[in-house]
Amino acid sequence: MSTSVEFVIIMTMRYMNPALMGLAHDWAEQNAPKEIPGAHRMRSFHIAPDRGMTLVWFNSQADLDAAFPMIKQVQGEMATKFEARAEIQKGITSPELEFGE
């Protein structure tokens, strides 16, 4: 069990037209911020042909809160451009329910 708490932003995107997911991925590679202040890790996942998810880890709650509006704006612009529904949430890990690294 870990004793540390981690702060994350969880973003999901569902494309109304699955054919646009690849184009959106390419656009994000070229246009999304390369670094997010206060973030130390980011991972993106393809869940299904029409769904993607990204997790961004932050050093502190303050760093997460500071970056949240910018990330939400970029995700919203991407959803509009690529006919998608976007969701964004803040998360804090629960060390009591963890295992592995």
Protein backbone atom coordinates (compact mmCIF):
# COMPACT_ATOMS: atom_id res chain seq x y z
CA MET A 1 0.00 0.00 0.00
CA SER A 2 1.23 3.46 -0.93
CA THR A 3 1.10 6.34 1.51
CA SER A 4 1.33 9.02 -1.15
CA VAL A 5 -1.61 10.67 -2.85
CA GLU A 6 -1.53 11.47 -6.56
CA PHE A 7 -3.48 14.20 -8.32
CA VAL A 8 -4.83 13.53 -11.83
CA ILE A 9 -6.99 14.93 -14.58
CA ILE A 10 -9.05 12.29 -16.39
CA MET A 11 -10.20 13.23 -19.89
CA THR A 12 -12.41 11.14 -22.14
CA MET A 13 -13.49 11.74 -25.70
CA ARG A 14 -16.20 9.91 -27.65
CA TYR A 15 -16.33 10.59 -31.36
CA MET A 16 -19.73 10.74 -33.03
CA ASN A 17 -17.92 9.82 -36.26
CA PRO A 18 -15.28 7.17 -35.39
CA ALA A 19 -13.42 7.93 -38.64
CA LEU A 20 -12.38 11.28 -37.12
CA MET A 21 -10.53 9.75 -34.16
CA GLY A 22 -7.30 9.22 -36.13
CA LEU A 23 -7.43 12.78 -37.47
CA ALA A 24 -8.01 14.09 -33.94
CA HIS A 25 -5.03 12.11 -32.66
CA ASP A 26 -2.83 13.57 -35.41
CA TRP A 27 -4.13 17.09 -34.68
CA ALA A 28 -3.41 16.69 -30.95
CA GLU A 29 0.12 15.51 -31.70
CA GLN A 30 0.75 18.69 -33.69
CA ASN A 31 -1.24 21.25 -31.68
CA ALA A 32 -1.72 20.21 -28.06
CA PRO A 33 0.67 21.75 -25.50
CA LYS A 34 3.88 19.73 -25.30
CA GLU A 35 4.23 20.48 -21.60
CA ILE A 36 1.66 21.25 -18.94
CA PRO A 37 2.94 23.31 -15.99
CA GLY A 38 2.95 21.25 -12.80
CA ALA A 39 2.33 17.94 -14.62
CA HIS A 40 4.89 15.18 -14.43
CA ARG A 41 3.27 12.40 -16.49
CA MET A 42 0.64 11.90 -19.18
CA ARG A 43 -0.74 8.75 -20.79
CA SER A 44 -3.32 8.45 -23.57
CA PHE A 45 -5.38 5.35 -24.34
CA HIS A 46 -7.45 4.15 -27.28
CA ILE A 47 -10.40 2.40 -25.63
CA ALA A 48 -12.52 1.62 -28.69
CA PRO A 49 -12.73 2.81 -32.31
CA ASP A 50 -14.73 5.82 -31.13
CA ARG A 51 -13.30 6.44 -27.64
CA GLY A 52 -10.11 7.74 -26.13
CA MET A 53 -8.92 8.62 -22.65
CA THR A 54 -6.00 10.64 -21.29
CA LEU A 55 -4.66 10.79 -17.74
CA VAL A 56 -2.41 13.65 -16.59
CA TRP A 57 -0.60 13.41 -13.23
CA PHE A 58 0.26 16.53 -11.24
CA ASN A 59 2.67 17.33 -8.43
CA SER A 60 -0.02 18.91 -6.24
CA GLN A 61 -3.69 19.85 -6.04
CA ALA A 62 -2.68 23.48 -6.67
CA ASP A 63 -0.88 22.51 -9.90
CA LEU A 64 -3.89 20.49 -11.05
CA ASP A 65 -6.30 23.33 -10.28
CA ALA A 66 -4.09 25.86 -12.11
CA ALA A 67 -3.86 23.74 -15.29
CA PHE A 68 -7.48 22.57 -15.35
CA PRO A 69 -9.04 25.56 -17.22
CA MET A 70 -6.42 25.45 -20.00
CA ILE A 71 -6.76 21.69 -20.46
CA LYS A 72 -10.55 21.93 -20.44
CA GLN A 73 -10.42 24.63 -23.12
CA VAL A 74 -8.10 22.63 -25.40
CA GLN A 75 -10.22 19.50 -24.98
CA GLY A 76 -13.41 21.47 -25.72
CA GLU A 77 -11.92 22.94 -28.89
CA MET A 78 -10.83 19.50 -30.00
CA ALA A 79 -14.30 18.04 -29.34
CA THR A 80 -15.93 20.77 -31.41
CA LYS A 81 -13.45 20.41 -34.26
CA PHE A 82 -13.75 16.60 -34.43
CA GLU A 83 -17.44 16.04 -33.62
CA ALA A 84 -16.88 14.50 -30.21
CA ARG A 85 -18.27 14.57 -26.70
CA ALA A 86 -15.66 15.48 -24.14
CA GLU A 87 -15.60 14.92 -20.39
CA ILE A 88 -12.97 16.11 -17.95
CA GLN A 89 -12.68 15.31 -14.25
CA LYS A 90 -10.29 15.87 -11.38
CA GLY A 91 -9.16 12.85 -9.40
CA ILE A 92 -7.17 12.07 -6.28
CA THR A 93 -5.88 8.56 -5.70
CA SER A 94 -6.94 6.42 -2.77
CA PRO A 95 -3.71 4.85 -1.44
CA GLU A 96 -5.65 2.23 0.57
CA LEU A 97 -6.92 0.66 -2.66
CA GLU A 98 -3.64 0.49 -4.61
CA PHE A 99 -1.24 -2.28 -5.57
CA GLY A 100 1.72 -2.52 -7.93
CA GLU A 101 3.74 0.35 -9.33
